[in-house]
Amino acid sequence: RSSDLTNDDDEEALVVIRLLDVLCEITSNNEQLQCLQSCPNLLETVIDILRLTHLAGKQSKNIFTAAHSMSLVENVSHPAVGFKAHLIRLIGNLCYKNKENQDKILQLDGIPLILDNCSIDDNNPFVNQWAVYAIRNLTEHNEKNQELIARMERQGLADGSLLKSMGMQVEDQDRKS
């Protein structure tokens, strides 16, 4: 259903993505950021939406599935392009110098979710950079979040098929056992 949206669905999706974009911009301003950082359910809702869209993208091929074609021609006009990147940007902003929100993300198991979005994704331009930004804000002066990441085990190399198609090769330089 998410790949064949009707006009009404398109309009609703556009409103949601624009509101999310406004929230991202507002939280980039320190004065408004502090107000939104203290909204009780905002961070939980954003994590829930990110988890649902990420799961939807893994369960079937749709606009939330990470695309590695290096061509934005197919779905560039789809209203949900950039949605996950905006969600992660908002999480990063809400956790900026805010220990309570950093701890809430840990409690909601959001760090692995954010790290799972550190990849090239044509449907979410700059998602990798926003994920790095969010992790930076989640770990700043927060030993528990730093320890969680330090305890994570390496899962292996990322899929190198996109790089191979560009004539590049993935090489494992850290062969520690």
N, C-alpha and C. Protein backbone atom coordinates (compact mmCIF):
# COMPACT_ATOMS: atom_id res chain seq x y z
N ARG A 1 0.82 -1.19 0.00
CA ARG A 1 0.00 0.00 0.00
C ARG A 1 0.86 1.26 0.00
N SER A 2 1.99 1.26 0.71
CA SER A 2 2.78 2.49 0.80
C SER A 2 3.43 2.87 -0.53
N SER A 3 3.51 1.93 -1.49
CA SER A 3 4.10 2.29 -2.77
C SER A 3 3.06 2.83 -3.75
N ASP A 4 1.78 2.61 -3.49
CA ASP A 4 0.70 3.09 -4.37
C ASP A 4 -0.23 4.02 -3.58
N LEU A 5 0.26 5.19 -3.26
CA LEU A 5 -0.54 6.13 -2.50
C LEU A 5 -1.54 6.84 -3.38
N THR A 6 -2.73 7.09 -2.84
CA THR A 6 -3.72 7.88 -3.56
C THR A 6 -3.38 9.35 -3.37
N ASN A 7 -4.09 10.21 -4.08
CA ASN A 7 -3.84 11.65 -3.94
C ASN A 7 -4.07 12.13 -2.51
N ASP A 8 -5.14 11.63 -1.85
CA ASP A 8 -5.40 12.01 -0.45
C ASP A 8 -4.27 11.54 0.45
N ASP A 9 -3.81 10.32 0.21
CA ASP A 9 -2.69 9.79 1.00
C ASP A 9 -1.43 10.63 0.76
N ASP A 10 -1.22 11.02 -0.50
CA ASP A 10 -0.07 11.87 -0.83
C ASP A 10 -0.14 13.18 -0.06
N GLU A 11 -1.31 13.80 -0.03
CA GLU A 11 -1.47 15.07 0.65
C GLU A 11 -1.22 14.92 2.16
N GLU A 12 -1.77 13.85 2.75
CA GLU A 12 -1.55 13.62 4.18
C GLU A 12 -0.07 13.36 4.47
N ALA A 13 0.56 12.59 3.61
CA ALA A 13 1.98 12.30 3.80
C ALA A 13 2.80 13.58 3.67
N LEU A 14 2.44 14.43 2.71
CA LEU A 14 3.15 15.71 2.55
C LEU A 14 3.01 16.60 3.77
N VAL A 15 1.82 16.62 4.35
CA VAL A 15 1.61 17.42 5.56
C VAL A 15 2.48 16.89 6.70
N VAL A 16 2.52 15.59 6.87
CA VAL A 16 3.32 14.99 7.94
C VAL A 16 4.81 15.27 7.73
N ILE A 17 5.31 15.08 6.53
CA ILE A 17 6.74 15.29 6.26
C ILE A 17 7.09 16.77 6.42
N ARG A 18 6.20 17.65 6.03
CA ARG A 18 6.47 19.08 6.21
C ARG A 18 6.46 19.47 7.68
N LEU A 19 5.53 18.92 8.44
CA LEU A 19 5.52 19.19 9.88
C LEU A 19 6.78 18.64 10.55
N LEU A 20 7.21 17.48 10.12
CA LEU A 20 8.45 16.91 10.65
C LEU A 20 9.63 17.80 10.30
N ASP A 21 9.65 18.31 9.08
CA ASP A 21 10.71 19.23 8.66
C ASP A 21 10.70 20.50 9.51
N VAL A 22 9.52 21.02 9.81
CA VAL A 22 9.40 22.20 10.67
C VAL A 22 9.93 21.90 12.06
N LEU A 23 9.59 20.75 12.61
CA LEU A 23 10.12 20.36 13.92
C LEU A 23 11.64 20.28 13.90
N CYS A 24 12.20 19.74 12.83
CA CYS A 24 13.66 19.67 12.71
C CYS A 24 14.28 21.07 12.69
N GLU A 25 13.66 21.97 11.95
CA GLU A 25 14.18 23.34 11.88
C GLU A 25 14.03 24.06 13.22
N ILE A 26 12.88 23.91 13.86
CA ILE A 26 12.64 24.57 15.14
C ILE A 26 13.63 24.07 16.19
N THR A 27 13.91 22.77 16.19
CA THR A 27 14.83 22.23 17.19
C THR A 27 16.28 22.57 16.88
N SER A 28 16.52 23.20 15.75
CA SER A 28 17.86 23.68 15.44
C SER A 28 18.13 25.03 16.10
N ASN A 29 17.11 25.63 16.67
CA ASN A 29 17.21 26.91 17.36
C ASN A 29 17.16 26.66 18.86
N ASN A 30 18.17 27.08 19.59
CA ASN A 30 18.27 26.78 21.02
C ASN A 30 17.08 27.23 21.85
N GLU A 31 16.47 28.36 21.52
CA GLU A 31 15.34 28.83 22.31
C GLU A 31 14.15 27.89 22.22
N GLN A 32 13.78 27.49 21.00
CA GLN A 32 12.67 26.56 20.84
C GLN A 32 13.06 25.14 21.22
N LEU A 33 14.34 24.80 21.06
CA LEU A 33 14.81 23.45 21.36
C LEU A 33 14.51 23.09 22.81
N GLN A 34 14.82 23.96 23.73
CA GLN A 34 14.63 23.65 25.15
C GLN A 34 13.17 23.37 25.47
N CYS A 35 12.27 24.10 24.85
CA CYS A 35 10.83 23.86 25.06
C CYS A 35 10.44 22.47 24.55
N LEU A 36 10.88 22.13 23.35
CA LEU A 36 10.51 20.85 22.76
C LEU A 36 11.22 19.67 23.42
N GLN A 37 12.42 19.90 23.97
CA GLN A 37 13.13 18.83 24.66
C GLN A 37 12.36 18.36 25.90
N SER A 38 11.53 19.22 26.43
CA SER A 38 10.80 18.86 27.64
C SER A 38 9.38 18.38 27.36
N CYS A 39 9.00 18.26 26.08
CA CYS A 39 7.68 17.69 25.75
C CYS A 39 7.69 16.21 26.11
N PRO A 40 6.77 15.79 26.97
CA PRO A 40 6.86 14.45 27.55
C PRO A 40 6.84 13.28 26.57
N ASN A 41 6.03 13.34 25.54
CA ASN A 41 5.89 12.17 24.66
C ASN A 41 6.51 12.34 23.28
N LEU A 42 7.09 13.48 22.99
CA LEU A 42 7.60 13.73 21.65
C LEU A 42 8.70 12.74 21.27
N LEU A 43 9.68 12.57 22.12
CA LEU A 43 10.80 11.68 21.81
C LEU A 43 10.34 10.22 21.67
N GLU A 44 9.45 9.78 22.56
CA GLU A 44 8.94 8.41 22.46
C GLU A 44 8.18 8.18 21.16
N THR A 45 7.39 9.17 20.76
CA THR A 45 6.62 9.07 19.53
C THR A 45 7.55 9.00 18.32
N VAL A 46 8.58 9.83 18.31
CA VAL A 46 9.52 9.83 17.18
C VAL A 46 10.24 8.49 17.08
N ILE A 47 10.67 7.93 18.22
CA ILE A 47 11.33 6.61 18.21
C ILE A 47 10.35 5.54 17.73
N ASP A 48 9.10 5.59 18.20
CA ASP A 48 8.10 4.60 17.76
C ASP A 48 7.89 4.67 16.25
N ILE A 49 7.79 5.88 15.71
CA ILE A 49 7.58 6.04 14.26
C ILE A 49 8.80 5.55 13.50
N LEU A 50 10.00 5.88 13.99
CA LEU A 50 11.22 5.39 13.33
C LEU A 50 11.26 3.87 13.35
N ARG A 51 10.94 3.26 14.48
CA ARG A 51 10.95 1.80 14.59
C ARG A 51 9.94 1.18 13.62
N LEU A 52 8.74 1.74 13.53
CA LEU A 52 7.71 1.21 12.63
C LEU A 52 8.10 1.36 11.16
N THR A 53 8.64 2.52 10.78
CA THR A 53 9.03 2.70 9.38
C THR A 53 10.23 1.83 9.03
N HIS A 54 11.15 1.69 9.97
CA HIS A 54 12.32 0.84 9.73
C HIS A 54 11.89 -0.62 9.56
N LEU A 55 10.98 -1.07 10.41
CA LEU A 55 10.45 -2.43 10.32
C LEU A 55 9.68 -2.63 9.02
N ALA A 56 8.86 -1.65 8.65
CA ALA A 56 8.11 -1.74 7.40
C ALA A 56 9.04 -1.88 6.20
N GLY A 57 10.16 -1.16 6.24
CA GLY A 57 11.13 -1.23 5.16
C GLY A 57 11.85 -2.56 5.09
N LYS A 58 11.97 -3.25 6.20
CA LYS A 58 12.64 -4.55 6.22
C LYS A 58 11.69 -5.70 5.87
N GLN A 59 10.39 -5.51 6.13
CA GLN A 59 9.43 -6.59 5.89
C GLN A 59 9.04 -6.74 4.44
N SER A 60 9.03 -5.66 3.69
CA SER A 60 8.71 -5.74 2.27
C SER A 60 9.36 -4.56 1.55
N LYS A 61 9.45 -4.66 0.23
CA LYS A 61 10.07 -3.59 -0.55
C LYS A 61 9.07 -2.45 -0.71
N ASN A 62 9.43 -1.30 -0.15
CA ASN A 62 8.57 -0.12 -0.22
C ASN A 62 9.43 1.12 -0.07
N ILE A 63 8.83 2.28 0.06
CA ILE A 63 9.57 3.54 0.14
C ILE A 63 10.46 3.60 1.39
N PHE A 64 10.17 2.79 2.40
CA PHE A 64 10.98 2.78 3.62
C PHE A 64 12.13 1.76 3.57
N THR A 65 12.21 1.00 2.48
CA THR A 65 13.30 0.07 2.28
C THR A 65 14.51 0.86 1.79
N ALA A 66 15.66 0.60 2.40
CA ALA A 66 16.88 1.30 1.97
C ALA A 66 17.16 0.99 0.51
N ALA A 67 17.32 2.03 -0.30
CA ALA A 67 17.58 1.88 -1.73
C ALA A 67 19.03 2.24 -2.00
N HIS A 68 19.70 1.42 -2.78
CA HIS A 68 21.12 1.61 -3.05
C HIS A 68 21.40 1.75 -4.54
N SER A 69 20.52 2.37 -5.27
CA SER A 69 20.67 2.42 -6.73
C SER A 69 21.56 3.56 -7.20
N MET A 70 21.86 4.50 -6.35
CA MET A 70 22.62 5.70 -6.71
C MET A 70 21.89 6.50 -7.78
N SER A 71 20.60 6.31 -7.87
CA SER A 71 19.78 7.06 -8.81
C SER A 71 18.51 7.46 -8.09
N LEU A 72 18.25 8.74 -8.02
CA LEU A 72 17.06 9.22 -7.32
C LEU A 72 15.86 9.35 -8.25
N VAL A 73 15.94 8.78 -9.43
CA VAL A 73 14.90 8.99 -10.44
C VAL A 73 13.58 8.34 -10.04
N GLU A 74 13.61 7.14 -9.48
CA GLU A 74 12.39 6.38 -9.24
C GLU A 74 11.41 7.08 -8.31
N ASN A 75 11.79 7.35 -7.07
CA ASN A 75 10.85 7.83 -6.07
C ASN A 75 11.16 9.23 -5.56
N VAL A 76 11.87 10.02 -6.34
CA VAL A 76 12.27 11.34 -5.85
C VAL A 76 11.06 12.19 -5.49
N SER A 77 9.93 11.98 -6.15
CA SER A 77 8.75 12.79 -5.88
C SER A 77 7.87 12.20 -4.78
N HIS A 78 8.20 11.02 -4.29
CA HIS A 78 7.39 10.40 -3.24
C HIS A 78 7.49 11.23 -1.98
N PRO A 79 6.37 11.51 -1.33
CA PRO A 79 6.40 12.37 -0.15
C PRO A 79 7.21 11.82 1.02
N ALA A 80 7.43 10.52 1.07
CA ALA A 80 8.14 9.94 2.21
C ALA A 80 9.66 9.90 2.03
N VAL A 81 10.16 10.38 0.88
CA VAL A 81 11.62 10.42 0.70
C VAL A 81 12.21 11.35 1.75
N GLY A 82 13.16 10.84 2.50
CA GLY A 82 13.80 11.62 3.56
C GLY A 82 13.14 11.50 4.92
N PHE A 83 12.06 10.75 5.01
CA PHE A 83 11.30 10.67 6.25
C PHE A 83 12.14 10.13 7.41
N LYS A 84 12.81 8.98 7.21
CA LYS A 84 13.62 8.41 8.28
C LYS A 84 14.79 9.32 8.63
N ALA A 85 15.38 9.97 7.64
CA ALA A 85 16.48 10.90 7.91
C ALA A 85 16.00 12.05 8.79
N HIS A 86 14.80 12.56 8.51
CA HIS A 86 14.24 13.65 9.32
C HIS A 86 13.96 13.17 10.75
N LEU A 87 13.45 11.95 10.88
CA LEU A 87 13.19 11.42 12.23
C LEU A 87 14.49 11.33 13.04
N ILE A 88 15.54 10.83 12.41
CA ILE A 88 16.83 10.69 13.10
C ILE A 88 17.42 12.06 13.41
N ARG A 89 17.26 13.00 12.50
CA ARG A 89 17.72 14.38 12.76
C ARG A 89 17.00 14.95 13.98
N LEU A 90 15.69 14.75 14.06
CA LEU A 90 14.92 15.26 15.18
C LEU A 90 15.36 14.61 16.49
N ILE A 91 15.62 13.32 16.47
CA ILE A 91 16.12 12.62 17.66
C ILE A 91 17.45 13.23 18.10
N GLY A 92 18.35 13.43 17.14
CA GLY A 92 19.64 14.04 17.45
C GLY A 92 19.49 15.42 18.06
N ASN A 93 18.60 16.22 17.49
CA ASN A 93 18.36 17.57 18.03
C ASN A 93 17.79 17.51 19.44
N LEU A 94 16.82 16.63 19.67
CA LEU A 94 16.18 16.55 20.98
C LEU A 94 17.12 16.04 22.06
N CYS A 95 18.18 15.34 21.66
CA CYS A 95 19.14 14.80 22.63
C CYS A 95 20.35 15.70 22.82
N TYR A 96 20.40 16.81 22.11
CA TYR A 96 21.53 17.73 22.19
C TYR A 96 21.65 18.32 23.59
N LYS A 97 22.74 17.95 24.28
CA LYS A 97 23.03 18.44 25.63
C LYS A 97 21.85 18.25 26.58
N ASN A 98 21.15 17.10 26.45
CA ASN A 98 20.00 16.82 27.30
C ASN A 98 20.10 15.39 27.81
N LYS A 99 20.62 15.25 29.01
CA LYS A 99 20.88 13.93 29.61
C LYS A 99 19.60 13.11 29.76
N GLU A 100 18.51 13.76 30.13
CA GLU A 100 17.25 13.05 30.31
C GLU A 100 16.80 12.39 29.01
N ASN A 101 16.89 13.13 27.90
CA ASN A 101 16.50 12.56 26.61
C ASN A 101 17.51 11.51 26.13
N GLN A 102 18.79 11.72 26.41
CA GLN A 102 19.81 10.71 26.07
C GLN A 102 19.47 9.40 26.79
N ASP A 103 19.14 9.49 28.06
CA ASP A 103 18.82 8.29 28.85
C ASP A 103 17.52 7.65 28.38
N LYS A 104 16.56 8.48 27.94
CA LYS A 104 15.29 7.95 27.44
C LYS A 104 15.51 7.12 26.18
N ILE A 105 16.40 7.58 25.30
CA ILE A 105 16.70 6.83 24.08
C ILE A 105 17.33 5.48 24.44
N LEU A 106 18.21 5.48 25.44
CA LEU A 106 18.81 4.23 25.90
C LEU A 106 17.72 3.29 26.40
N GLN A 107 16.81 3.81 27.20
CA GLN A 107 15.72 3.02 27.76
C GLN A 107 14.80 2.48 26.66
N LEU A 108 14.58 3.25 25.61
CA LEU A 108 13.70 2.84 24.51
C LEU A 108 14.41 1.97 23.48
N ASP A 109 15.67 1.61 23.76
CA ASP A 109 16.49 0.79 22.86
C ASP A 109 16.61 1.45 21.49
N GLY A 110 16.79 2.78 21.50
CA GLY A 110 16.87 3.53 20.26
C GLY A 110 18.24 3.59 19.63
N ILE A 111 19.29 3.35 20.41
CA ILE A 111 20.65 3.45 19.85
C ILE A 111 20.89 2.40 18.77
N PRO A 112 20.59 1.13 19.00
CA PRO A 112 20.76 0.15 17.91
C PRO A 112 19.90 0.47 16.69
N LEU A 113 18.72 1.01 16.92
CA LEU A 113 17.83 1.40 15.82
C LEU A 113 18.47 2.50 14.98
N ILE A 114 19.04 3.49 15.63
CA ILE A 114 19.70 4.58 14.90
C ILE A 114 20.92 4.05 14.16
N LEU A 115 21.71 3.22 14.83
CA LEU A 115 22.91 2.67 14.19
C LEU A 115 22.56 1.79 12.99
N ASP A 116 21.42 1.14 13.03
CA ASP A 116 20.99 0.29 11.92
C ASP A 116 20.64 1.12 10.68
N ASN A 117 20.55 2.43 10.84
CA ASN A 117 20.26 3.32 9.72
C ASN A 117 21.50 4.02 9.18
N CYS A 118 22.67 3.56 9.60
CA CYS A 118 23.94 4.13 9.11
C CYS A 118 24.32 3.46 7.81
N SER A 119 23.64 3.82 6.75
CA SER A 119 23.95 3.23 5.45
C SER A 119 23.56 4.21 4.35
N ILE A 120 24.03 3.92 3.16
CA ILE A 120 23.63 4.72 2.00
C ILE A 120 22.19 4.34 1.68
N ASP A 121 21.34 5.33 1.53
CA ASP A 121 19.94 5.08 1.25
C ASP A 121 19.41 6.20 0.36
N ASP A 122 19.16 5.90 -0.88
CA ASP A 122 18.66 6.90 -1.82
C ASP A 122 17.32 7.49 -1.38
N ASN A 123 16.54 6.70 -0.63
CA ASN A 123 15.24 7.19 -0.16
C ASN A 123 15.37 8.12 1.04
N ASN A 124 16.56 8.17 1.63
CA ASN A 124 16.81 9.01 2.80
C ASN A 124 18.17 9.68 2.69
N PRO A 125 18.25 10.68 1.82
CA PRO A 125 19.54 11.37 1.66
C PRO A 125 20.05 11.89 3.01
N PHE A 126 21.33 11.71 3.23
CA PHE A 126 22.03 12.16 4.43
C PHE A 126 21.63 11.41 5.71
N VAL A 127 20.92 10.30 5.59
CA VAL A 127 20.52 9.56 6.80
C VAL A 127 21.76 9.11 7.58
N ASN A 128 22.81 8.73 6.87
CA ASN A 128 24.05 8.30 7.53
C ASN A 128 24.63 9.43 8.37
N GLN A 129 24.67 10.63 7.80
CA GLN A 129 25.22 11.77 8.51
C GLN A 129 24.35 12.16 9.71
N TRP A 130 23.04 12.11 9.54
CA TRP A 130 22.15 12.43 10.67
C TRP A 130 22.26 11.38 11.77
N ALA A 131 22.48 10.12 11.39
CA ALA A 131 22.66 9.06 12.40
C ALA A 131 23.94 9.29 13.19
N VAL A 132 25.01 9.67 12.51
CA VAL A 132 26.27 9.96 13.20
C VAL A 132 26.08 11.15 14.15
N TYR A 133 25.37 12.18 13.68
CA TYR A 133 25.08 13.35 14.50
C TYR A 133 24.26 12.96 15.74
N ALA A 134 23.25 12.12 15.54
CA ALA A 134 22.42 11.69 16.66
C ALA A 134 23.24 10.89 17.67
N ILE A 135 24.08 9.97 17.19
CA ILE A 135 24.92 9.18 18.10
C ILE A 135 25.89 10.08 18.85
N ARG A 136 26.42 11.07 18.17
CA ARG A 136 27.30 12.03 18.84
C ARG A 136 26.57 12.72 19.99
N ASN A 137 25.34 13.17 19.74
CA ASN A 137 24.57 13.86 20.77
C ASN A 137 24.10 12.90 21.87
N LEU A 138 23.90 11.65 21.52
CA LEU A 138 23.48 10.65 22.51
C LEU A 138 24.62 10.24 23.44
N THR A 139 25.84 10.35 22.97
CA THR A 139 26.97 9.88 23.77
C THR A 139 27.74 11.01 24.46
N GLU A 140 27.45 12.26 24.11
CA GLU A 140 28.16 13.37 24.72
C GLU A 140 27.88 13.43 26.23
N HIS A 141 28.92 13.25 27.02
CA HIS A 141 28.83 13.27 28.50
C HIS A 141 27.85 12.22 29.03
N ASN A 142 27.71 11.10 28.33
CA ASN A 142 26.79 10.05 28.77
C ASN A 142 27.51 8.71 28.72
N GLU A 143 28.05 8.32 29.85
CA GLU A 143 28.85 7.09 29.92
C GLU A 143 28.04 5.84 29.64
N LYS A 144 26.78 5.79 30.07
CA LYS A 144 25.96 4.60 29.82
C LYS A 144 25.77 4.36 28.32
N ASN A 145 25.50 5.43 27.58
CA ASN A 145 25.32 5.27 26.13
C ASN A 145 26.64 4.92 25.46
N GLN A 146 27.74 5.50 25.94
CA GLN A 146 29.06 5.16 25.40
C GLN A 146 29.38 3.70 25.67
N GLU A 147 29.06 3.23 26.87
CA GLU A 147 29.34 1.84 27.23
C GLU A 147 28.51 0.87 26.39
N LEU A 148 27.26 1.22 26.14
CA LEU A 148 26.40 0.36 25.30
C LEU A 148 27.03 0.16 23.93
N ILE A 149 27.47 1.24 23.32
CA ILE A 149 28.08 1.16 21.99
C ILE A 149 29.39 0.38 22.05
N ALA A 150 30.18 0.60 23.10
CA ALA A 150 31.46 -0.10 23.23
C ALA A 150 31.25 -1.61 23.40
N ARG A 151 30.14 -2.02 24.01
CA ARG A 151 29.85 -3.45 24.22
C ARG A 151 29.27 -4.13 22.98
N MET A 152 28.86 -3.35 22.01
CA MET A 152 28.25 -3.95 20.82
C MET A 152 29.29 -4.76 20.07
N GLU A 153 28.83 -5.85 19.49
CA GLU A 153 29.73 -6.71 18.72
C GLU A 153 29.62 -6.39 17.25
N ARG A 154 30.74 -6.50 16.60
CA ARG A 154 30.78 -6.26 15.17
C ARG A 154 29.99 -7.35 14.46
N GLN A 155 29.15 -6.94 13.53
CA GLN A 155 28.30 -7.87 12.80
C GLN A 155 28.87 -8.25 11.45
N GLY A 156 30.03 -7.70 11.11
CA GLY A 156 30.64 -7.99 9.81
C GLY A 156 30.60 -6.76 8.93
N LEU A 157 31.05 -6.95 7.70
CA LEU A 157 31.09 -5.84 6.75
C LEU A 157 29.70 -5.58 6.19
N ALA A 158 29.46 -4.34 5.86
CA ALA A 158 28.21 -3.97 5.22
C ALA A 158 28.19 -4.54 3.81
N ASP A 159 27.01 -4.59 3.22
CA ASP A 159 26.85 -5.08 1.85
C ASP A 159 27.66 -4.19 0.91
N GLY A 160 28.60 -4.78 0.21
CA GLY A 160 29.48 -4.02 -0.67
C GLY A 160 29.05 -4.02 -2.12
N SER A 161 27.85 -4.51 -2.43
CA SER A 161 27.43 -4.62 -3.83
C SER A 161 27.34 -3.26 -4.51
N LEU A 162 26.90 -2.23 -3.80
CA LEU A 162 26.81 -0.90 -4.39
C LEU A 162 28.20 -0.39 -4.75
N LEU A 163 29.15 -0.57 -3.83
CA LEU A 163 30.52 -0.13 -4.11
C LEU A 163 31.13 -0.91 -5.26
N LYS A 164 30.87 -2.23 -5.32
CA LYS A 164 31.38 -3.04 -6.42
C LYS A 164 30.84 -2.55 -7.76
N SER A 165 29.56 -2.17 -7.78
CA SER A 165 28.97 -1.69 -9.03
C SER A 165 29.61 -0.37 -9.48
N MET A 166 30.25 0.33 -8.54
CA MET A 166 30.93 1.59 -8.85
C MET A 166 32.42 1.35 -9.10
N GLY A 167 32.82 0.07 -9.12
CA GLY A 167 34.22 -0.27 -9.38
C GLY A 167 35.12 -0.19 -8.17
N MET A 168 34.53 -0.20 -6.98
CA MET A 168 35.32 -0.15 -5.74
C MET A 168 35.23 -1.48 -5.03
N GLN A 169 36.14 -1.69 -4.10
CA GLN A 169 36.18 -2.95 -3.37
C GLN A 169 36.20 -2.67 -1.86
N VAL A 170 35.43 -3.47 -1.13
CA VAL A 170 35.40 -3.36 0.33
C VAL A 170 36.52 -4.22 0.88
N GLU A 171 37.28 -3.63 1.79
CA GLU A 171 38.40 -4.36 2.38
C GLU A 171 38.32 -4.26 3.90
N ASP A 172 38.48 -5.39 4.56
CA ASP A 172 38.47 -5.44 6.02
C ASP A 172 39.89 -5.21 6.52
N GLN A 173 40.15 -4.02 7.05
CA GLN A 173 41.48 -3.69 7.53
C GLN A 173 41.65 -3.97 9.00
N ASP A 174 40.57 -4.22 9.71
CA ASP A 174 40.62 -4.47 11.15
C ASP A 174 40.26 -5.93 11.40
N ARG A 175 41.21 -6.81 11.30
CA ARG A 175 40.94 -8.25 11.39
C ARG A 175 41.17 -8.79 12.77
N LYS A 176 40.77 -8.06 13.79
CA LYS A 176 40.92 -8.52 15.17
C LYS A 176 39.93 -9.64 15.44
N SER A 177 40.34 -10.60 16.21
CA SER A 177 39.43 -11.71 16.52
C SER A 177 38.77 -11.49 17.85
